[in-house]
Amino acid sequence: MSLTPGQTIALGNLSRKKAGEQVDWINIADARALTDLGLAERNGGGWTITPAGVAALAHRDNPDSD
């Protein structure tokens, strides 16, 4: 799966947010695209990374892990 640079940044921010870190703002268009891909979701607390998003980010960081 190929993500745009903005989507990659947003996914990384969502990962850090899940870990409890303070993150920069998340571009809504990028977050919506991640939602369409199943990598993020929107809930009452804002945007969150999904398990598929965590896996995609891990694969991006370590592409030889297949």
PDB file of N, CA and C in Angstrom:
ATOM      1  N   MET A   1       0.845  -1.164   0.000  1.00  0.00           N
ATOM      2  CA  MET A   1       0.000   0.000   0.000  1.00  0.00           C
ATOM      3  C   MET A   1       0.897   1.235   0.000  1.00  0.00           C
ATOM      4  N   SER A   2       0.565   2.167  -0.833  1.00  0.00           N
ATOM      5  CA  SER A   2       1.350   3.381  -0.946  1.00  0.00           C
ATOM      6  C   SER A   2       0.586   4.542  -0.321  1.00  0.00           C
ATOM      7  N   LEU A   3       1.240   5.216   0.605  1.00  0.00           N
ATOM      8  CA  LEU A   3       0.646   6.374   1.261  1.00  0.00           C
ATOM      9  C   LEU A   3       1.367   7.639   0.806  1.00  0.00           C
ATOM     10  N   THR A   4       0.636   8.736   0.780  1.00  0.00           N
ATOM     11  CA  THR A   4       1.262  10.015   0.466  1.00  0.00           C
ATOM     12  C   THR A   4       2.125  10.433   1.657  1.00  0.00           C
ATOM     13  N   PRO A   5       3.024  11.371   1.443  1.00  0.00           N
ATOM     14  CA  PRO A   5       3.812  11.858   2.583  1.00  0.00           C
ATOM     15  C   PRO A   5       2.932  12.390   3.723  1.00  0.00           C
ATOM     16  N   GLY A   6       1.867  13.106   3.389  1.00  0.00           N
ATOM     17  CA  GLY A   6       0.963  13.625   4.415  1.00  0.00           C
ATOM     18  C   GLY A   6       0.257  12.529   5.187  1.00  0.00           C
ATOM     19  N   GLN A   7      -0.171  11.487   4.478  1.00  0.00           N
ATOM     20  CA  GLN A   7      -0.827  10.361   5.136  1.00  0.00           C
ATOM     21  C   GLN A   7       0.145   9.630   6.048  1.00  0.00           C
ATOM     22  N   THR A   8       1.383   9.509   5.621  1.00  0.00           N
ATOM     23  CA  THR A   8       2.407   8.866   6.444  1.00  0.00           C
ATOM     24  C   THR A   8       2.649   9.662   7.722  1.00  0.00           C
ATOM     25  N   ILE A   9       2.734  10.973   7.598  1.00  0.00           N
ATOM     26  CA  ILE A   9       2.917  11.829   8.772  1.00  0.00           C
ATOM     27  C   ILE A   9       1.718  11.691   9.709  1.00  0.00           C
ATOM     28  N   ALA A  10       0.518  11.724   9.147  1.00  0.00           N
ATOM     29  CA  ALA A  10      -0.696  11.606   9.968  1.00  0.00           C
ATOM     30  C   ALA A  10      -0.741  10.258  10.679  1.00  0.00           C
ATOM     31  N   LEU A  11      -0.378   9.193   9.990  1.00  0.00           N
ATOM     32  CA  LEU A  11      -0.385   7.870  10.597  1.00  0.00           C
ATOM     33  C   LEU A  11       0.634   7.788  11.733  1.00  0.00           C
ATOM     34  N   GLY A  12       1.806   8.364  11.520  1.00  0.00           N
ATOM     35  CA  GLY A  12       2.814   8.404  12.577  1.00  0.00           C
ATOM     36  C   GLY A  12       2.338   9.210  13.775  1.00  0.00           C
ATOM     37  N   ASN A  13       1.675  10.345  13.511  1.00  0.00           N
ATOM     38  CA  ASN A  13       1.132  11.153  14.598  1.00  0.00           C
ATOM     39  C   ASN A  13       0.071  10.384  15.378  1.00  0.00           C
ATOM     40  N   LEU A  14      -0.770   9.644  14.674  1.00  0.00           N
ATOM     41  CA  LEU A  14      -1.802   8.859  15.355  1.00  0.00           C
ATOM     42  C   LEU A  14      -1.176   7.755  16.207  1.00  0.00           C
ATOM     43  N   SER A  15      -0.095   7.185  15.731  1.00  0.00           N
ATOM     44  CA  SER A  15       0.603   6.163  16.500  1.00  0.00           C
ATOM     45  C   SER A  15       1.180   6.758  17.784  1.00  0.00           C
ATOM     46  N   ARG A  16       1.814   7.908  17.649  1.00  0.00           N
ATOM     47  CA  ARG A  16       2.381   8.569  18.831  1.00  0.00           C
ATOM     48  C   ARG A  16       1.282   9.031  19.788  1.00  0.00           C
ATOM     49  N   LYS A  17       0.147   9.481  19.239  1.00  0.00           N
ATOM     50  CA  LYS A  17      -0.994   9.882  20.069  1.00  0.00           C
ATOM     51  C   LYS A  17      -1.486   8.691  20.884  1.00  0.00           C
ATOM     52  N   LYS A  18      -1.570   7.536  20.234  1.00  0.00           N
ATOM     53  CA  LYS A  18      -2.013   6.320  20.929  1.00  0.00           C
ATOM     54  C   LYS A  18      -1.057   5.975  22.075  1.00  0.00           C
ATOM     55  N   ALA A  19       0.218   6.273  21.905  1.00  0.00           N
ATOM     56  CA  ALA A  19       1.231   5.996  22.925  1.00  0.00           C
ATOM     57  C   ALA A  19       1.216   7.046  24.040  1.00  0.00           C
ATOM     58  N   GLY A  20       0.331   8.047  23.914  1.00  0.00           N
ATOM     59  CA  GLY A  20       0.206   9.046  24.958  1.00  0.00           C
ATOM     60  C   GLY A  20       1.052  10.286  24.762  1.00  0.00           C
ATOM     61  N   GLU A  21       1.706  10.384  23.622  1.00  0.00           N
ATOM     62  CA  GLU A  21       2.543  11.549  23.348  1.00  0.00           C
ATOM     63  C   GLU A  21       1.695  12.701  22.811  1.00  0.00           C
ATOM     64  N   GLN A  22       2.191  13.908  23.010  1.00  0.00           N
ATOM     65  CA  GLN A  22       1.585  15.084  22.385  1.00  0.00           C
ATOM     66  C   GLN A  22       1.999  15.085  20.916  1.00  0.00           C
ATOM     67  N   VAL A  23       1.046  15.349  20.037  1.00  0.00           N
ATOM     68  CA  VAL A  23       1.354  15.353  18.605  1.00  0.00           C
ATOM     69  C   VAL A  23       0.892  16.651  17.966  1.00  0.00           C
ATOM     70  N   ASP A  24       1.468  16.930  16.806  1.00  0.00           N
ATOM     71  CA  ASP A  24       1.016  18.065  16.015  1.00  0.00           C
ATOM     72  C   ASP A  24      -0.406  17.785  15.532  1.00  0.00           C
ATOM     73  N   TRP A  25      -0.994  18.789  14.954  1.00  0.00           N
ATOM     74  CA  TRP A  25      -2.336  18.618  14.406  1.00  0.00           C
ATOM     75  C   TRP A  25      -2.321  17.573  13.295  1.00  0.00           C
ATOM     76  N   ILE A  26      -3.479  17.001  13.057  1.00  0.00           N
ATOM     77  CA  ILE A  26      -3.612  15.969  12.031  1.00  0.00           C
ATOM     78  C   ILE A  26      -4.479  16.528  10.909  1.00  0.00           C
ATOM     79  N   ASN A  27      -3.953  16.512   9.709  1.00  0.00           N
ATOM     80  CA  ASN A  27      -4.666  17.015   8.543  1.00  0.00           C
ATOM     81  C   ASN A  27      -5.921  16.180   8.326  1.00  0.00           C
ATOM     82  N   ILE A  28      -7.068  16.840   8.274  1.00  0.00           N
ATOM     83  CA  ILE A  28      -8.341  16.132   8.154  1.00  0.00           C
ATOM     84  C   ILE A  28      -8.417  15.321   6.866  1.00  0.00           C
ATOM     85  N   ALA A  29      -7.967  15.884   5.771  1.00  0.00           N
ATOM     86  CA  ALA A  29      -8.015  15.153   4.493  1.00  0.00           C
ATOM     87  C   ALA A  29      -7.175  13.877   4.571  1.00  0.00           C
ATOM     88  N   ASP A  30      -5.991  13.978   5.187  1.00  0.00           N
ATOM     89  CA  ASP A  30      -5.150  12.792   5.329  1.00  0.00           C
ATOM     90  C   ASP A  30      -5.808  11.776   6.261  1.00  0.00           C
ATOM     91  N   ALA A  31      -6.377  12.250   7.355  1.00  0.00           N
ATOM     92  CA  ALA A  31      -7.037  11.347   8.299  1.00  0.00           C
ATOM     93  C   ALA A  31      -8.238  10.655   7.653  1.00  0.00           C
ATOM     94  N   ARG A  32      -8.990  11.390   6.857  1.00  0.00           N
ATOM     95  CA  ARG A  32     -10.135  10.775   6.161  1.00  0.00           C
ATOM     96  C   ARG A  32      -9.666   9.719   5.163  1.00  0.00           C
ATOM     97  N   ALA A  33      -8.580  10.008   4.466  1.00  0.00           N
ATOM     98  CA  ALA A  33      -8.042   9.020   3.522  1.00  0.00           C
ATOM     99  C   ALA A  33      -7.589   7.770   4.275  1.00  0.00           C
ATOM    100  N   LEU A  34      -6.947   7.966   5.433  1.00  0.00           N
ATOM    101  CA  LEU A  34      -6.536   6.810   6.247  1.00  0.00           C
ATOM    102  C   LEU A  34      -7.746   6.021   6.717  1.00  0.00           C
ATOM    103  N   THR A  35      -8.833   6.724   7.038  1.00  0.00           N
ATOM    104  CA  THR A  35     -10.072   6.046   7.436  1.00  0.00           C
ATOM    105  C   THR A  35     -10.614   5.218   6.287  1.00  0.00           C
ATOM    106  N   ASP A  36     -10.614   5.784   5.089  1.00  0.00           N
ATOM    107  CA  ASP A  36     -11.076   5.046   3.906  1.00  0.00           C
ATOM    108  C   ASP A  36     -10.253   3.791   3.667  1.00  0.00           C
ATOM    109  N   LEU A  37      -8.973   3.844   4.037  1.00  0.00           N
ATOM    110  CA  LEU A  37      -8.087   2.690   3.869  1.00  0.00           C
ATOM    111  C   LEU A  37      -8.164   1.717   5.046  1.00  0.00           C
ATOM    112  N   GLY A  38      -8.920   2.087   6.084  1.00  0.00           N
ATOM    113  CA  GLY A  38      -9.043   1.230   7.263  1.00  0.00           C
ATOM    114  C   GLY A  38      -7.884   1.367   8.236  1.00  0.00           C
ATOM    115  N   LEU A  39      -7.065   2.404   8.069  1.00  0.00           N
ATOM    116  CA  LEU A  39      -5.884   2.576   8.907  1.00  0.00           C
ATOM    117  C   LEU A  39      -6.134   3.497  10.102  1.00  0.00           C
ATOM    118  N   ALA A  40      -7.256   4.202  10.080  1.00  0.00           N
ATOM    119  CA  ALA A  40      -7.631   5.104  11.168  1.00  0.00           C
ATOM    120  C   ALA A  40      -9.144   5.089  11.289  1.00  0.00           C
ATOM    121  N   GLU A  41      -9.625   5.619  12.421  1.00  0.00           N
ATOM    122  CA  GLU A  41     -11.058   5.764  12.598  1.00  0.00           C
ATOM    123  C   GLU A  41     -11.323   7.026  13.404  1.00  0.00           C
ATOM    124  N   ARG A  42     -12.524   7.526  13.280  1.00  0.00           N
ATOM    125  CA  ARG A  42     -12.927   8.733  14.001  1.00  0.00           C
ATOM    126  C   ARG A  42     -13.906   8.319  15.082  1.00  0.00           C
ATOM    127  N   ASN A  43     -13.647   8.773  16.303  1.00  0.00           N
ATOM    128  CA  ASN A  43     -14.577   8.514  17.388  1.00  0.00           C
ATOM    129  C   ASN A  43     -14.736   9.791  18.203  1.00  0.00           C
ATOM    130  N   GLY A  44     -15.395   9.718  19.321  1.00  0.00           N
ATOM    131  CA  GLY A  44     -15.652  10.898  20.136  1.00  0.00           C
ATOM    132  C   GLY A  44     -14.391  11.595  20.625  1.00  0.00           C
ATOM    133  N   GLY A  45     -13.288  10.868  20.697  1.00  0.00           N
ATOM    134  CA  GLY A  45     -12.031  11.443  21.160  1.00  0.00           C
ATOM    135  C   GLY A  45     -11.151  11.947  20.040  1.00  0.00           C
ATOM    136  N   GLY A  46     -11.645  11.903  18.826  1.00  0.00           N
ATOM    137  CA  GLY A  46     -10.859  12.342  17.678  1.00  0.00           C
ATOM    138  C   GLY A  46     -10.445  11.163  16.818  1.00  0.00           C
ATOM    139  N   TRP A  47      -9.390  11.347  16.062  1.00  0.00           N
ATOM    140  CA  TRP A  47      -8.889  10.312  15.172  1.00  0.00           C
ATOM    141  C   TRP A  47      -8.023   9.337  15.960  1.00  0.00           C
ATOM    142  N   THR A  48      -8.157   8.060  15.659  1.00  0.00           N
ATOM    143  CA  THR A  48      -7.319   7.037  16.290  1.00  0.00           C
ATOM    144  C   THR A  48      -6.795   6.087  15.226  1.00  0.00           C
ATOM    145  N   ILE A  49      -5.663   5.509  15.508  1.00  0.00           N
ATOM    146  CA  ILE A  49      -5.070   4.527  14.602  1.00  0.00           C
ATOM    147  C   ILE A  49      -5.740   3.171  14.864  1.00  0.00           C
ATOM    148  N   THR A  50      -5.959   2.408  13.820  1.00  0.00           N
ATOM    149  CA  THR A  50      -6.536   1.076  13.945  1.00  0.00           C
ATOM    150  C   THR A  50      -5.410   0.036  13.998  1.00  0.00           C
ATOM    151  N   PRO A  51      -5.747  -1.200  14.361  1.00  0.00           N
ATOM    152  CA  PRO A  51      -4.718  -2.248  14.304  1.00  0.00           C
ATOM    153  C   PRO A  51      -4.092  -2.375  12.909  1.00  0.00           C
ATOM    154  N   ALA A  52      -4.895  -2.189  11.874  1.00  0.00           N
ATOM    155  CA  ALA A  52      -4.351  -2.239  10.510  1.00  0.00           C
ATOM    156  C   ALA A  52      -3.381  -1.085  10.275  1.00  0.00           C
ATOM    157  N   GLY A  53      -3.660   0.068  10.865  1.00  0.00           N
ATOM    158  CA  GLY A  53      -2.756   1.210  10.758  1.00  0.00           C
ATOM    159  C   GLY A  53      -1.441   0.952  11.465  1.00  0.00           C
ATOM    160  N   VAL A  54      -1.516   0.332  12.636  1.00  0.00           N
ATOM    161  CA  VAL A  54      -0.301  -0.024  13.377  1.00  0.00           C
ATOM    162  C   VAL A  54       0.544  -0.980  12.541  1.00  0.00           C
ATOM    163  N   ALA A  55      -0.121  -1.974  11.939  1.00  0.00           N
ATOM    164  CA  ALA A  55       0.597  -2.953  11.113  1.00  0.00           C
ATOM    165  C   ALA A  55       1.209  -2.291   9.877  1.00  0.00           C
ATOM    166  N   ALA A  56       0.466  -1.388   9.249  1.00  0.00           N
ATOM    167  CA  ALA A  56       0.987  -0.706   8.057  1.00  0.00           C
ATOM    168  C   ALA A  56       2.194   0.154   8.406  1.00  0.00           C
ATOM    169  N   LEU A  57       2.138   0.814   9.549  1.00  0.00           N
ATOM    170  CA  LEU A  57       3.255   1.642   9.978  1.00  0.00           C
ATOM    171  C   LEU A  57       4.467   0.773  10.308  1.00  0.00           C
ATOM    172  N   ALA A  58       4.241  -0.357  10.961  1.00  0.00           N
ATOM    173  CA  ALA A  58       5.341  -1.273  11.282  1.00  0.00           C
ATOM    174  C   ALA A  58       5.966  -1.826  10.008  1.00  0.00           C
ATOM    175  N   HIS A  59       5.134  -2.156   9.037  1.00  0.00           N
ATOM    176  CA  HIS A  59       5.642  -2.678   7.768  1.00  0.00           C
ATOM    177  C   HIS A  59       6.437  -1.597   7.032  1.00  0.00           C
ATOM    178  N   ARG A  60       5.950  -0.360   7.107  1.00  0.00           N
ATOM    179  CA  ARG A  60       6.660   0.738   6.444  1.00  0.00           C
ATOM    180  C   ARG A  60       8.021   0.963   7.085  1.00  0.00           C
ATOM    181  N   ASP A  61       8.089   0.825   8.408  1.00  0.00           N
ATOM    182  CA  ASP A  61       9.349   1.016   9.121  1.00  0.00           C
ATOM    183  C   ASP A  61      10.304  -0.161   8.924  1.00  0.00           C
ATOM    184  N   ASN A  62       9.762  -1.341   8.599  1.00  0.00           N
ATOM    185  CA  ASN A  62      10.577  -2.536   8.433  1.00  0.00           C
ATOM    186  C   ASN A  62      10.033  -3.358   7.260  1.00  0.00           C
ATOM    187  N   PRO A  63      10.227  -2.887   6.026  1.00  0.00           N
ATOM    188  CA  PRO A  63       9.611  -3.545   4.858  1.00  0.00           C
ATOM    189  C   PRO A  63      10.118  -4.970   4.608  1.00  0.00           C
ATOM    190  N   ASP A  64      11.247  -5.351   5.174  1.00  0.00           N
ATOM    191  CA  ASP A  64      11.770  -6.700   4.958  1.00  0.00           C
ATOM    192  C   ASP A  64      11.186  -7.716   5.942  1.00  0.00           C
ATOM    193  N   SER A  65      10.172  -7.324   6.713  1.00  0.00           N
ATOM    194  CA  SER A  65       9.634  -8.205   7.744  1.00  0.00           C
ATOM    195  C   SER A  65       8.642  -9.222   7.201  1.00  0.00           C
ATOM    196  N   ASP A  66       8.399  -9.239   5.892  1.00  0.00           N
ATOM    197  CA  ASP A  66       7.452 -10.205   5.309  1.00  0.00           C
ATOM    198  C   ASP A  66       7.963 -11.617   5.355  1.00  0.00           C
TER     199      ASP A  66
END
